[in-house]
C-alpha atoms as a PDB file:
ATOM      1  CA  MET A   1      -9.993  -1.874   7.432  1.00  0.00           C
ATOM      2  CA  ALA A   2      -9.828  -1.432   3.669  1.00  0.00           C
ATOM      3  CA  PHE A   3      -7.611  -2.627   0.813  1.00  0.00           C
ATOM      4  CA  ALA A   4      -7.480  -1.544  -2.829  1.00  0.00           C
ATOM      5  CA  ASP A   5      -6.894  -4.029  -5.631  1.00  0.00           C
ATOM      6  CA  SER A   6      -3.845  -3.545  -7.840  1.00  0.00           C
ATOM      7  CA  SER A   7      -5.943  -2.622 -10.892  1.00  0.00           C
ATOM      8  CA  GLY A   8      -7.513   0.273  -8.996  1.00  0.00           C
ATOM      9  CA  GLY A   9     -11.007  -1.015  -9.720  1.00  0.00           C
ATOM     10  CA  CYS A  10     -12.294  -1.569  -6.215  1.00  0.00           C
ATOM     11  CA  ILE A  11     -11.681  -1.008  -2.522  1.00  0.00           C
ATOM     12  CA  TYR A  12     -12.633  -3.926  -0.253  1.00  0.00           C
ATOM     13  CA  GLY A  13     -13.729  -3.163   3.286  1.00  0.00           C
ATOM     14  CA  TYR A  14     -13.700  -5.403   6.353  1.00  0.00           C
ATOM     15  CA  ASP A  15     -15.700  -4.687   9.503  1.00  0.00           C
ATOM     16  CA  ILE A  16     -13.516  -6.082  12.271  1.00  0.00           C
ATOM     17  CA  PRO A  17     -13.084  -5.108  15.900  1.00  0.00           C
ATOM     18  CA  LEU A  18      -9.664  -3.661  16.677  1.00  0.00           C
ATOM     19  CA  LEU A  19      -8.119  -3.458  20.115  1.00  0.00           C
ATOM     20  CA  VAL A  20      -5.375  -0.883  20.465  1.00  0.00           C
ATOM     21  CA  HIS A  21      -2.949  -0.988  23.368  1.00  0.00           C
ATOM     22  CA  HIS A  22      -0.021   1.203  24.251  1.00  0.00           C
ATOM     23  CA  PRO A  23       3.076  -0.450  22.739  1.00  0.00           C
ATOM     24  CA  THR A  24       5.664  -1.919  25.070  1.00  0.00           C
ATOM     25  CA  ALA A  25       9.374  -2.291  24.299  1.00  0.00           C
ATOM     26  CA  ASP A  26       8.850  -6.055  23.826  1.00  0.00           C
ATOM     27  CA  ALA A  27       5.916  -5.555  21.439  1.00  0.00           C
ATOM     28  CA  MET A  28       7.945  -3.211  19.231  1.00  0.00           C
ATOM     29  CA  ARG A  29      10.268  -6.107  18.310  1.00  0.00           C
ATOM     30  CA  VAL A  30       7.387  -8.231  16.945  1.00  0.00           C
ATOM     31  CA  PRO A  31       6.366  -7.632  13.307  1.00  0.00           C
ATOM     32  CA  SER A  32       2.844  -6.410  12.616  1.00  0.00           C
ATOM     33  CA  LEU A  33       0.518  -9.190  11.450  1.00  0.00           C
ATOM     34  CA  LEU A  34      -2.768  -8.986   9.585  1.00  0.00           C
ATOM     35  CA  GLY A  35      -5.475 -11.005  11.355  1.00  0.00           C
ATOM     36  CA  ARG A  36      -6.652 -14.387  10.107  1.00  0.00           C
ATOM     37  CA  ASP A  37     -10.221 -13.038  10.134  1.00  0.00           C
ATOM     38  CA  VAL A  38      -9.249 -11.092   6.982  1.00  0.00           C
ATOM     39  CA  ILE A  39      -6.619 -13.424   5.456  1.00  0.00           C
ATOM     40  CA  ASP A  40      -9.022 -16.394   5.607  1.00  0.00           C
ATOM     41  CA  ARG A  41     -11.247 -14.502   3.154  1.00  0.00           C
ATOM     42  CA  TRP A  42      -8.498 -14.186   0.514  1.00  0.00           C
ATOM     43  CA  ARG A  43      -6.774 -16.585  -1.884  1.00  0.00           C
ATOM     44  CA  VAL A  44      -3.075 -15.982  -1.195  1.00  0.00           C
ATOM     45  CA  THR A  45      -0.184 -17.018  -3.450  1.00  0.00           C
ATOM     46  CA  TYR A  46       3.477 -16.675  -2.507  1.00  0.00           C
ATOM     47  CA  ASP A  47       6.283 -17.261  -5.019  1.00  0.00           C
ATOM     48  CA  LYS A  48       9.668 -16.806  -3.374  1.00  0.00           C
ATOM     49  CA  SER A  49      11.543 -17.322  -6.667  1.00  0.00           C
ATOM     50  CA  VAL A  50      10.185 -14.026  -7.995  1.00  0.00           C
ATOM     51  CA  ALA A  51       9.647 -12.340  -4.596  1.00  0.00           C
ATOM     52  CA  LYS A  52       5.886 -12.032  -5.135  1.00  0.00           C
ATOM     53  CA  LEU A  53       3.029 -12.226  -2.662  1.00  0.00           C
ATOM     54  CA  ALA A  54      -0.433 -11.834  -4.204  1.00  0.00           C
ATOM     55  CA  ALA A  55      -3.900 -11.927  -2.671  1.00  0.00           C
ATOM     56  CA  GLU A  56      -7.241 -12.275  -4.436  1.00  0.00           C
ATOM     57  CA  VAL A  57     -10.349 -11.213  -2.512  1.00  0.00           C
ATOM     58  CA  ILE A  58     -12.852 -14.060  -2.107  1.00  0.00           C
ATOM     59  CA  SER A  59     -15.224 -12.134   0.156  1.00  0.00           C
ATOM     60  CA  SER A  60     -15.412  -8.816   2.017  1.00  0.00           C
ATOM     61  CA  ASP A  61     -17.921  -6.943   4.138  1.00  0.00           C
ATOM     62  CA  ALA A  62     -18.106  -4.056   1.669  1.00  0.00           C
ATOM     63  CA  GLU A  63     -16.927  -3.132  -1.843  1.00  0.00           C
ATOM     64  CA  PHE A  64     -16.472   0.413  -3.114  1.00  0.00           C
ATOM     65  CA  PRO A  65     -15.927   0.716  -6.894  1.00  0.00           C
ATOM     66  CA  ILE A  66     -13.481   3.479  -7.784  1.00  0.00           C
END
């Protein structure tokens, strides 16, 4: 899994196991969630008053300067 920072300076990669199952009708009603194994490695700030969610990478398994 990889994410790019907003300045376009780097792509951060995470080596995580993913299990993929065929979706059921019940599962389609549940929003997709990013795993805590990635989120726990970010500093996350949420400001509802300006509708902004920001994440700063603290650590990653790989970095790819662009």
